[in-house]
Amino acid sequence: MNKPLLVAYATKHGSTHEVADAVAVRLRERGLEAEVRSARGVATLAPYDGVVIGGALYMGRWHSDARRFLSHHRDELAVLPLAVFAMGPLTLKDEDVADSRKQLDHALAKEPRLEPVTVAIFGGVVNPAKQHFPFTYVATSDARDWDEIRSWADSVAALSMPAAAAV
């Protein structure tokens, strides 16, 4: 019997958790077991056959819990399939996505032994009600493309277990 995939997330306001949940749902629809957990709460990767880790980008940096997760589990991650996503740009314009990808690549470069099988950038969310001053006056936005998120999760499923992608 195969072990589940871990879908770990690092978030401040919950939108990355929502994306992690959607990725896990899609993986399950493709015949894989998937467990969603906060990156902060994962002590070992022994129960898992692969890992998806997602984190939000804040002020040009990937969430500290996601960075610590990679650092803490680097030896285990070096031998497991690893998929990575970040959320950040407030628009899906090419230049905004490319800028967010540079920020994520900078974080991933700190763990050169890790070679993700796939990396994605998804749009970010701003909810002024969950922000601190002065960001309470920023316009509400949600740049997540749920079709793209599901499509990426399909590619993760295909990379994790090719037979599952045909389900």
N, C-alpha and C. Protein backbone atom coordinates (compact mmCIF):
# COMPACT_ATOMS: atom_id res chain seq x y z
N MET A 1 0.85 -1.19 0.00
CA MET A 1 0.00 0.00 0.00
C MET A 1 0.89 1.24 0.00
N ASN A 2 0.53 2.22 -0.82
CA ASN A 2 1.29 3.46 -0.90
C ASN A 2 1.00 4.35 0.30
N LYS A 3 1.99 5.13 0.66
CA LYS A 3 1.82 6.11 1.72
C LYS A 3 1.19 7.37 1.10
N PRO A 4 0.56 8.20 1.92
CA PRO A 4 -0.05 9.43 1.38
C PRO A 4 1.00 10.46 0.99
N LEU A 5 0.54 11.44 0.22
CA LEU A 5 1.34 12.63 -0.05
C LEU A 5 1.00 13.66 1.03
N LEU A 6 1.99 14.41 1.43
CA LEU A 6 1.77 15.51 2.36
C LEU A 6 1.59 16.79 1.56
N VAL A 7 0.54 17.51 1.86
CA VAL A 7 0.35 18.86 1.31
C VAL A 7 0.48 19.81 2.49
N ALA A 8 1.66 20.40 2.62
CA ALA A 8 1.95 21.30 3.74
C ALA A 8 1.80 22.75 3.27
N TYR A 9 1.44 23.61 4.19
CA TYR A 9 1.24 25.01 3.83
C TYR A 9 1.78 25.92 4.92
N ALA A 10 2.14 27.13 4.50
CA ALA A 10 2.57 28.18 5.43
C ALA A 10 1.77 29.43 5.06
N THR A 11 1.01 29.93 6.01
CA THR A 11 0.09 31.03 5.71
C THR A 11 -0.06 31.95 6.92
N LYS A 12 -0.36 33.20 6.65
CA LYS A 12 -0.68 34.14 7.72
C LYS A 12 -2.19 34.32 7.87
N HIS A 13 -2.88 34.37 6.73
CA HIS A 13 -4.29 34.74 6.76
C HIS A 13 -5.23 33.67 6.21
N GLY A 14 -4.69 32.51 5.83
CA GLY A 14 -5.54 31.39 5.47
C GLY A 14 -5.70 31.09 4.00
N SER A 15 -5.35 32.00 3.11
CA SER A 15 -5.59 31.73 1.68
C SER A 15 -4.68 30.62 1.15
N THR A 16 -3.47 30.50 1.65
CA THR A 16 -2.59 29.42 1.21
C THR A 16 -3.12 28.07 1.71
N HIS A 17 -3.71 28.06 2.88
CA HIS A 17 -4.34 26.84 3.39
C HIS A 17 -5.49 26.43 2.47
N GLU A 18 -6.27 27.39 2.00
CA GLU A 18 -7.36 27.09 1.07
C GLU A 18 -6.83 26.46 -0.21
N VAL A 19 -5.72 26.96 -0.71
CA VAL A 19 -5.12 26.39 -1.92
C VAL A 19 -4.60 24.98 -1.63
N ALA A 20 -3.95 24.80 -0.49
CA ALA A 20 -3.46 23.46 -0.12
C ALA A 20 -4.63 22.47 -0.05
N ASP A 21 -5.75 22.89 0.52
CA ASP A 21 -6.93 22.03 0.56
C ASP A 21 -7.40 21.67 -0.85
N ALA A 22 -7.43 22.65 -1.74
CA ALA A 22 -7.87 22.40 -3.11
C ALA A 22 -6.92 21.44 -3.83
N VAL A 23 -5.62 21.59 -3.61
CA VAL A 23 -4.64 20.67 -4.21
C VAL A 23 -4.87 19.26 -3.69
N ALA A 24 -5.08 19.12 -2.40
CA ALA A 24 -5.30 17.79 -1.81
C ALA A 24 -6.58 17.15 -2.36
N VAL A 25 -7.63 17.93 -2.49
CA VAL A 25 -8.88 17.41 -3.05
C VAL A 25 -8.62 16.88 -4.46
N ARG A 26 -7.89 17.63 -5.25
CA ARG A 26 -7.61 17.21 -6.63
C ARG A 26 -6.75 15.94 -6.65
N LEU A 27 -5.76 15.87 -5.78
CA LEU A 27 -4.94 14.67 -5.71
C LEU A 27 -5.79 13.45 -5.36
N ARG A 28 -6.71 13.63 -4.43
CA ARG A 28 -7.61 12.52 -4.05
C ARG A 28 -8.50 12.11 -5.22
N GLU A 29 -8.97 13.11 -5.98
CA GLU A 29 -9.78 12.81 -7.16
C GLU A 29 -8.99 12.00 -8.19
N ARG A 30 -7.69 12.11 -8.15
CA ARG A 30 -6.81 11.39 -9.07
C ARG A 30 -6.33 10.06 -8.48
N GLY A 31 -6.92 9.65 -7.36
CA GLY A 31 -6.64 8.34 -6.80
C GLY A 31 -5.51 8.29 -5.79
N LEU A 32 -5.02 9.43 -5.37
CA LEU A 32 -3.94 9.46 -4.39
C LEU A 32 -4.47 9.81 -3.01
N GLU A 33 -3.79 9.32 -1.99
CA GLU A 33 -4.09 9.76 -0.62
C GLU A 33 -3.31 11.05 -0.39
N ALA A 34 -3.94 12.01 0.25
CA ALA A 34 -3.27 13.28 0.53
C ALA A 34 -3.69 13.78 1.90
N GLU A 35 -2.73 14.25 2.65
CA GLU A 35 -2.96 14.78 4.00
C GLU A 35 -2.51 16.23 4.01
N VAL A 36 -3.36 17.12 4.47
CA VAL A 36 -3.05 18.56 4.55
C VAL A 36 -2.65 18.90 5.97
N ARG A 37 -1.49 19.55 6.10
CA ARG A 37 -1.00 19.94 7.44
C ARG A 37 -0.26 21.26 7.36
N SER A 38 -0.29 21.98 8.43
CA SER A 38 0.51 23.19 8.55
C SER A 38 1.99 22.80 8.53
N ALA A 39 2.78 23.51 7.76
CA ALA A 39 4.22 23.21 7.69
C ALA A 39 4.86 23.27 9.06
N ARG A 40 4.39 24.16 9.88
CA ARG A 40 4.94 24.34 11.23
C ARG A 40 4.78 23.09 12.09
N GLY A 41 3.72 22.31 11.85
CA GLY A 41 3.41 21.18 12.71
C GLY A 41 3.93 19.84 12.24
N VAL A 42 4.74 19.80 11.19
CA VAL A 42 5.22 18.53 10.66
C VAL A 42 6.57 18.19 11.28
N ALA A 43 6.62 17.10 12.03
CA ALA A 43 7.85 16.69 12.71
C ALA A 43 8.71 15.78 11.85
N THR A 44 8.09 14.94 11.04
CA THR A 44 8.82 13.98 10.21
C THR A 44 8.07 13.76 8.91
N LEU A 45 8.81 13.36 7.89
CA LEU A 45 8.20 13.04 6.61
C LEU A 45 8.13 11.54 6.37
N ALA A 46 8.50 10.75 7.37
CA ALA A 46 8.51 9.29 7.25
C ALA A 46 7.17 8.70 6.80
N PRO A 47 6.02 9.27 7.20
CA PRO A 47 4.75 8.66 6.78
C PRO A 47 4.34 8.95 5.33
N TYR A 48 5.17 9.70 4.58
CA TYR A 48 4.74 10.20 3.28
C TYR A 48 5.59 9.69 2.12
N ASP A 49 4.93 9.56 0.97
CA ASP A 49 5.62 9.17 -0.27
C ASP A 49 6.07 10.37 -1.09
N GLY A 50 5.63 11.54 -0.76
CA GLY A 50 5.98 12.76 -1.48
C GLY A 50 5.43 13.96 -0.75
N VAL A 51 5.90 15.14 -1.14
CA VAL A 51 5.53 16.36 -0.43
C VAL A 51 5.19 17.46 -1.41
N VAL A 52 4.11 18.16 -1.11
CA VAL A 52 3.78 19.44 -1.73
C VAL A 52 3.90 20.46 -0.62
N ILE A 53 4.66 21.52 -0.86
CA ILE A 53 4.77 22.59 0.15
C ILE A 53 4.41 23.91 -0.53
N GLY A 54 3.54 24.65 0.13
CA GLY A 54 3.13 25.94 -0.39
C GLY A 54 3.25 27.00 0.68
N GLY A 55 3.59 28.19 0.23
CA GLY A 55 3.68 29.30 1.16
C GLY A 55 3.41 30.61 0.46
N ALA A 56 2.96 31.56 1.21
CA ALA A 56 2.70 32.89 0.67
C ALA A 56 3.99 33.69 0.60
N LEU A 57 4.04 34.59 -0.34
CA LEU A 57 5.14 35.54 -0.45
C LEU A 57 4.70 36.84 0.21
N TYR A 58 5.54 37.33 1.11
CA TYR A 58 5.26 38.59 1.81
C TYR A 58 6.47 39.49 1.69
N MET A 59 6.26 40.66 1.16
CA MET A 59 7.33 41.66 1.08
C MET A 59 8.60 41.07 0.46
N GLY A 60 8.42 40.27 -0.57
CA GLY A 60 9.56 39.72 -1.30
C GLY A 60 10.17 38.46 -0.73
N ARG A 61 9.57 37.91 0.31
CA ARG A 61 10.12 36.70 0.93
C ARG A 61 9.03 35.64 1.06
N TRP A 62 9.47 34.37 0.85
CA TRP A 62 8.55 33.25 1.05
C TRP A 62 8.32 33.10 2.54
N HIS A 63 7.14 32.71 2.92
CA HIS A 63 6.75 32.59 4.33
C HIS A 63 7.83 31.84 5.13
N SER A 64 8.16 32.35 6.30
CA SER A 64 9.24 31.77 7.12
C SER A 64 8.97 30.32 7.49
N ASP A 65 7.71 29.94 7.70
CA ASP A 65 7.42 28.54 8.03
C ASP A 65 7.75 27.61 6.86
N ALA A 66 7.53 28.07 5.63
CA ALA A 66 7.88 27.27 4.45
C ALA A 66 9.39 27.14 4.33
N ARG A 67 10.11 28.23 4.55
CA ARG A 67 11.58 28.18 4.48
C ARG A 67 12.13 27.25 5.56
N ARG A 68 11.61 27.35 6.78
CA ARG A 68 12.06 26.47 7.87
C ARG A 68 11.74 25.01 7.57
N PHE A 69 10.59 24.76 6.96
CA PHE A 69 10.19 23.41 6.60
C PHE A 69 11.24 22.79 5.67
N LEU A 70 11.64 23.52 4.64
CA LEU A 70 12.65 23.00 3.72
C LEU A 70 13.97 22.76 4.43
N SER A 71 14.36 23.69 5.26
CA SER A 71 15.63 23.56 5.97
C SER A 71 15.61 22.39 6.96
N HIS A 72 14.55 22.30 7.73
CA HIS A 72 14.43 21.26 8.75
C HIS A 72 14.36 19.85 8.16
N HIS A 73 13.69 19.72 7.02
CA HIS A 73 13.46 18.41 6.42
C HIS A 73 14.33 18.17 5.18
N ARG A 74 15.40 18.93 5.02
CA ARG A 74 16.18 18.86 3.78
C ARG A 74 16.67 17.46 3.44
N ASP A 75 17.09 16.69 4.43
CA ASP A 75 17.59 15.33 4.15
C ASP A 75 16.48 14.42 3.65
N GLU A 76 15.31 14.49 4.29
CA GLU A 76 14.18 13.68 3.85
C GLU A 76 13.67 14.13 2.48
N LEU A 77 13.63 15.44 2.28
CA LEU A 77 13.13 15.99 1.01
C LEU A 77 14.06 15.70 -0.16
N ALA A 78 15.32 15.48 0.13
CA ALA A 78 16.29 15.20 -0.94
C ALA A 78 16.00 13.87 -1.63
N VAL A 79 15.23 12.98 -0.98
CA VAL A 79 14.95 11.67 -1.56
C VAL A 79 13.46 11.44 -1.83
N LEU A 80 12.63 12.46 -1.62
CA LEU A 80 11.20 12.36 -1.88
C LEU A 80 10.81 13.27 -3.04
N PRO A 81 9.80 12.88 -3.82
CA PRO A 81 9.28 13.83 -4.80
C PRO A 81 8.77 15.07 -4.07
N LEU A 82 9.16 16.24 -4.58
CA LEU A 82 8.82 17.52 -3.95
C LEU A 82 8.19 18.43 -4.99
N ALA A 83 7.03 18.97 -4.67
CA ALA A 83 6.37 19.98 -5.49
C ALA A 83 6.22 21.23 -4.62
N VAL A 84 6.41 22.39 -5.23
CA VAL A 84 6.43 23.64 -4.48
C VAL A 84 5.52 24.66 -5.15
N PHE A 85 4.77 25.39 -4.32
CA PHE A 85 4.02 26.53 -4.86
C PHE A 85 4.14 27.71 -3.92
N ALA A 86 3.98 28.87 -4.52
CA ALA A 86 3.96 30.12 -3.75
C ALA A 86 2.79 30.95 -4.23
N MET A 87 2.27 31.73 -3.33
CA MET A 87 1.20 32.66 -3.65
C MET A 87 1.71 34.06 -3.40
N GLY A 88 1.39 34.96 -4.30
CA GLY A 88 1.89 36.28 -4.04
C GLY A 88 1.42 37.38 -4.95
N PRO A 89 1.55 37.23 -6.27
CA PRO A 89 1.24 38.41 -7.07
C PRO A 89 -0.25 38.76 -6.95
N LEU A 90 -0.50 40.05 -6.97
CA LEU A 90 -1.88 40.51 -6.84
C LEU A 90 -2.57 40.56 -8.19
N THR A 91 -1.79 40.37 -9.27
CA THR A 91 -2.35 40.20 -10.60
C THR A 91 -1.60 39.03 -11.24
N LEU A 92 -2.17 38.50 -12.29
CA LEU A 92 -1.51 37.41 -13.00
C LEU A 92 -0.81 37.91 -14.26
N LYS A 93 -0.47 39.20 -14.29
CA LYS A 93 0.32 39.75 -15.39
C LYS A 93 1.67 39.05 -15.40
N ASP A 94 2.19 38.82 -16.59
CA ASP A 94 3.45 38.08 -16.73
C ASP A 94 4.56 38.65 -15.85
N GLU A 95 4.70 39.96 -15.81
CA GLU A 95 5.79 40.56 -15.03
C GLU A 95 5.59 40.36 -13.52
N ASP A 96 4.34 40.36 -13.07
CA ASP A 96 4.08 40.14 -11.64
C ASP A 96 4.37 38.69 -11.25
N VAL A 97 3.96 37.76 -12.11
CA VAL A 97 4.23 36.35 -11.85
C VAL A 97 5.73 36.09 -11.90
N ALA A 98 6.42 36.69 -12.87
CA ALA A 98 7.87 36.50 -12.99
C ALA A 98 8.60 37.06 -11.77
N ASP A 99 8.15 38.19 -11.26
CA ASP A 99 8.77 38.77 -10.07
C ASP A 99 8.57 37.84 -8.87
N SER A 100 7.38 37.29 -8.72
CA SER A 100 7.12 36.35 -7.62
C SER A 100 7.95 35.09 -7.79
N ARG A 101 8.12 34.63 -9.03
CA ARG A 101 8.94 33.44 -9.27
C ARG A 101 10.38 33.70 -8.86
N LYS A 102 10.91 34.88 -9.11
CA LYS A 102 12.27 35.22 -8.68
C LYS A 102 12.38 35.15 -7.16
N GLN A 103 11.36 35.63 -6.47
CA GLN A 103 11.37 35.60 -5.01
C GLN A 103 11.37 34.16 -4.51
N LEU A 104 10.55 33.32 -5.11
CA LEU A 104 10.51 31.92 -4.70
C LEU A 104 11.81 31.22 -5.05
N ASP A 105 12.34 31.46 -6.24
CA ASP A 105 13.61 30.85 -6.65
C ASP A 105 14.73 31.23 -5.68
N HIS A 106 14.71 32.45 -5.19
CA HIS A 106 15.71 32.90 -4.21
C HIS A 106 15.61 32.06 -2.94
N ALA A 107 14.40 31.81 -2.47
CA ALA A 107 14.21 30.98 -1.27
C ALA A 107 14.65 29.54 -1.53
N LEU A 108 14.31 29.00 -2.69
CA LEU A 108 14.67 27.61 -3.00
C LEU A 108 16.18 27.45 -3.19
N ALA A 109 16.85 28.48 -3.63
CA ALA A 109 18.30 28.41 -3.85
C ALA A 109 19.06 28.20 -2.54
N LYS A 110 18.44 28.50 -1.43
CA LYS A 110 19.09 28.30 -0.13
C LYS A 110 19.16 26.82 0.27
N GLU A 111 18.45 25.98 -0.48
CA GLU A 111 18.48 24.53 -0.26
C GLU A 111 18.85 23.86 -1.60
N PRO A 112 20.10 24.00 -2.01
CA PRO A 112 20.49 23.55 -3.36
C PRO A 112 20.37 22.04 -3.59
N ARG A 113 20.34 21.24 -2.54
CA ARG A 113 20.18 19.79 -2.71
C ARG A 113 18.76 19.41 -3.11
N LEU A 114 17.82 20.31 -2.89
CA LEU A 114 16.42 20.00 -3.19
C LEU A 114 16.10 20.38 -4.62
N GLU A 115 15.49 19.44 -5.32
CA GLU A 115 15.12 19.66 -6.71
C GLU A 115 13.64 19.37 -6.90
N PRO A 116 12.80 20.39 -6.75
CA PRO A 116 11.37 20.17 -6.94
C PRO A 116 11.07 19.63 -8.34
N VAL A 117 10.10 18.71 -8.41
CA VAL A 117 9.69 18.18 -9.71
C VAL A 117 8.79 19.16 -10.44
N THR A 118 8.17 20.05 -9.71
CA THR A 118 7.35 21.10 -10.31
C THR A 118 7.24 22.26 -9.33
N VAL A 119 7.19 23.47 -9.89
CA VAL A 119 7.08 24.69 -9.09
C VAL A 119 6.02 25.56 -9.74
N ALA A 120 5.17 26.18 -8.93
CA ALA A 120 4.11 27.03 -9.46
C ALA A 120 3.98 28.31 -8.64
N ILE A 121 3.53 29.34 -9.32
CA ILE A 121 3.18 30.61 -8.69
C ILE A 121 1.70 30.82 -8.91
N PHE A 122 0.98 31.08 -7.83
CA PHE A 122 -0.45 31.37 -7.91
C PHE A 122 -0.69 32.78 -7.39
N GLY A 123 -1.77 33.37 -7.85
CA GLY A 123 -2.12 34.71 -7.40
C GLY A 123 -2.40 34.76 -5.92
N GLY A 124 -2.17 35.91 -5.37
CA GLY A 124 -2.36 36.10 -3.95
C GLY A 124 -3.70 36.73 -3.61
N VAL A 125 -3.92 36.88 -2.32
CA VAL A 125 -5.18 37.41 -1.80
C VAL A 125 -4.85 38.54 -0.83
N VAL A 126 -5.60 39.62 -0.94
CA VAL A 126 -5.52 40.69 0.05
C VAL A 126 -6.92 40.91 0.60
N ASN A 127 -7.05 40.75 1.91
CA ASN A 127 -8.29 41.01 2.60
C ASN A 127 -7.98 42.05 3.67
N PRO A 128 -8.32 43.32 3.42
CA PRO A 128 -7.96 44.38 4.38
C PRO A 128 -8.45 44.12 5.80
N ALA A 129 -9.53 43.37 5.95
CA ALA A 129 -10.05 43.08 7.29
C ALA A 129 -9.09 42.22 8.09
N LYS A 130 -8.18 41.52 7.41
CA LYS A 130 -7.21 40.66 8.10
C LYS A 130 -5.82 41.29 8.18
N GLN A 131 -5.71 42.54 7.78
CA GLN A 131 -4.42 43.23 7.74
C GLN A 131 -4.26 44.17 8.93
N HIS A 132 -3.02 44.58 9.13
CA HIS A 132 -2.71 45.60 10.12
C HIS A 132 -2.52 46.94 9.41
N PHE A 133 -2.77 48.01 10.12
CA PHE A 133 -2.57 49.35 9.59
C PHE A 133 -1.14 49.47 9.07
N PRO A 134 -0.86 50.05 7.94
CA PRO A 134 -1.74 50.83 7.06
C PRO A 134 -2.40 49.99 5.97
N PHE A 135 -2.18 48.68 5.98
CA PHE A 135 -2.71 47.82 4.92
C PHE A 135 -4.21 47.60 5.03
N THR A 136 -4.83 48.12 6.09
CA THR A 136 -6.28 48.02 6.23
C THR A 136 -6.99 48.87 5.17
N TYR A 137 -6.25 49.74 4.50
CA TYR A 137 -6.84 50.61 3.48
C TYR A 137 -6.54 50.15 2.06
N VAL A 138 -5.94 48.98 1.92
CA VAL A 138 -5.64 48.43 0.60
C VAL A 138 -6.91 47.79 0.04
N ALA A 139 -7.08 47.86 -1.26
CA ALA A 139 -8.27 47.28 -1.88
C ALA A 139 -8.26 45.75 -1.76
N THR A 140 -9.42 45.18 -1.58
CA THR A 140 -9.58 43.73 -1.54
C THR A 140 -9.28 43.15 -2.91
N SER A 141 -8.52 42.05 -2.93
CA SER A 141 -8.26 41.39 -4.21
C SER A 141 -8.04 39.90 -3.99
N ASP A 142 -8.33 39.12 -5.00
CA ASP A 142 -8.10 37.68 -4.98
C ASP A 142 -7.71 37.28 -6.39
N ALA A 143 -6.42 37.03 -6.59
CA ALA A 143 -5.90 36.71 -7.92
C ALA A 143 -5.71 35.21 -8.13
N ARG A 144 -6.28 34.40 -7.23
CA ARG A 144 -6.14 32.95 -7.41
C ARG A 144 -6.94 32.50 -8.63
N ASP A 145 -6.32 31.69 -9.45
CA ASP A 145 -6.97 31.09 -10.62
C ASP A 145 -7.20 29.62 -10.28
N TRP A 146 -8.41 29.29 -9.86
CA TRP A 146 -8.71 27.95 -9.36
C TRP A 146 -8.54 26.89 -10.44
N ASP A 147 -8.81 27.22 -11.70
CA ASP A 147 -8.58 26.26 -12.78
C ASP A 147 -7.09 25.94 -12.91
N GLU A 148 -6.26 26.96 -12.81
CA GLU A 148 -4.81 26.76 -12.88
C GLU A 148 -4.31 25.94 -11.69
N ILE A 149 -4.85 26.20 -10.52
CA ILE A 149 -4.47 25.45 -9.32
C ILE A 149 -4.83 23.97 -9.49
N ARG A 150 -6.04 23.70 -9.96
CA ARG A 150 -6.44 22.30 -10.19
C ARG A 150 -5.58 21.64 -11.27
N SER A 151 -5.27 22.39 -12.32
CA SER A 151 -4.43 21.85 -13.40
C SER A 151 -3.04 21.51 -12.87
N TRP A 152 -2.48 22.38 -12.04
CA TRP A 152 -1.16 22.11 -11.46
C TRP A 152 -1.23 20.87 -10.56
N ALA A 153 -2.29 20.76 -9.78
CA ALA A 153 -2.45 19.58 -8.92
C ALA A 153 -2.53 18.31 -9.77
N ASP A 154 -3.16 18.39 -10.94
CA ASP A 154 -3.19 17.24 -11.85
C ASP A 154 -1.77 16.86 -12.28
N SER A 155 -0.93 17.87 -12.54
CA SER A 155 0.45 17.56 -12.94
C SER A 155 1.22 16.95 -11.77
N VAL A 156 0.94 17.38 -10.56
CA VAL A 156 1.57 16.78 -9.38
C VAL A 156 1.15 15.32 -9.27
N ALA A 157 -0.12 15.04 -9.48
CA ALA A 157 -0.60 13.66 -9.43
C ALA A 157 0.09 12.81 -10.48
N ALA A 158 0.24 13.33 -11.68
CA ALA A 158 0.87 12.59 -12.76
C ALA A 158 2.34 12.30 -12.45
N LEU A 159 3.00 13.27 -11.81
CA LEU A 159 4.41 13.08 -11.46
C LEU A 159 4.58 12.14 -10.28
N SER A 160 3.57 12.10 -9.42
CA SER A 160 3.64 11.27 -8.20
C SER A 160 3.33 9.82 -8.48
N MET A 161 2.36 9.58 -9.32
CA MET A 161 1.94 8.22 -9.63
C MET A 161 1.25 8.26 -10.99
N PRO A 162 1.96 7.97 -12.08
CA PRO A 162 1.39 8.12 -13.41
C PRO A 162 0.04 7.43 -13.59
N ALA A 163 -0.18 6.28 -13.00
CA ALA A 163 -1.46 5.58 -13.17
C ALA A 163 -2.61 6.37 -12.56
N ALA A 164 -2.35 7.13 -11.52
CA ALA A 164 -3.41 7.89 -10.87
C ALA A 164 -3.92 9.01 -11.77
N ALA A 165 -3.06 9.56 -12.63
CA ALA A 165 -3.47 10.67 -13.48
C ALA A 165 -4.53 10.25 -14.48
N ALA A 166 -4.61 8.98 -14.79
CA ALA A 166 -5.59 8.50 -15.76
C ALA A 166 -6.98 8.33 -15.16
N VAL A 167 -7.10 8.42 -13.84
CA VAL A 167 -8.38 8.21 -13.16
C VAL A 167 -9.35 9.32 -13.55
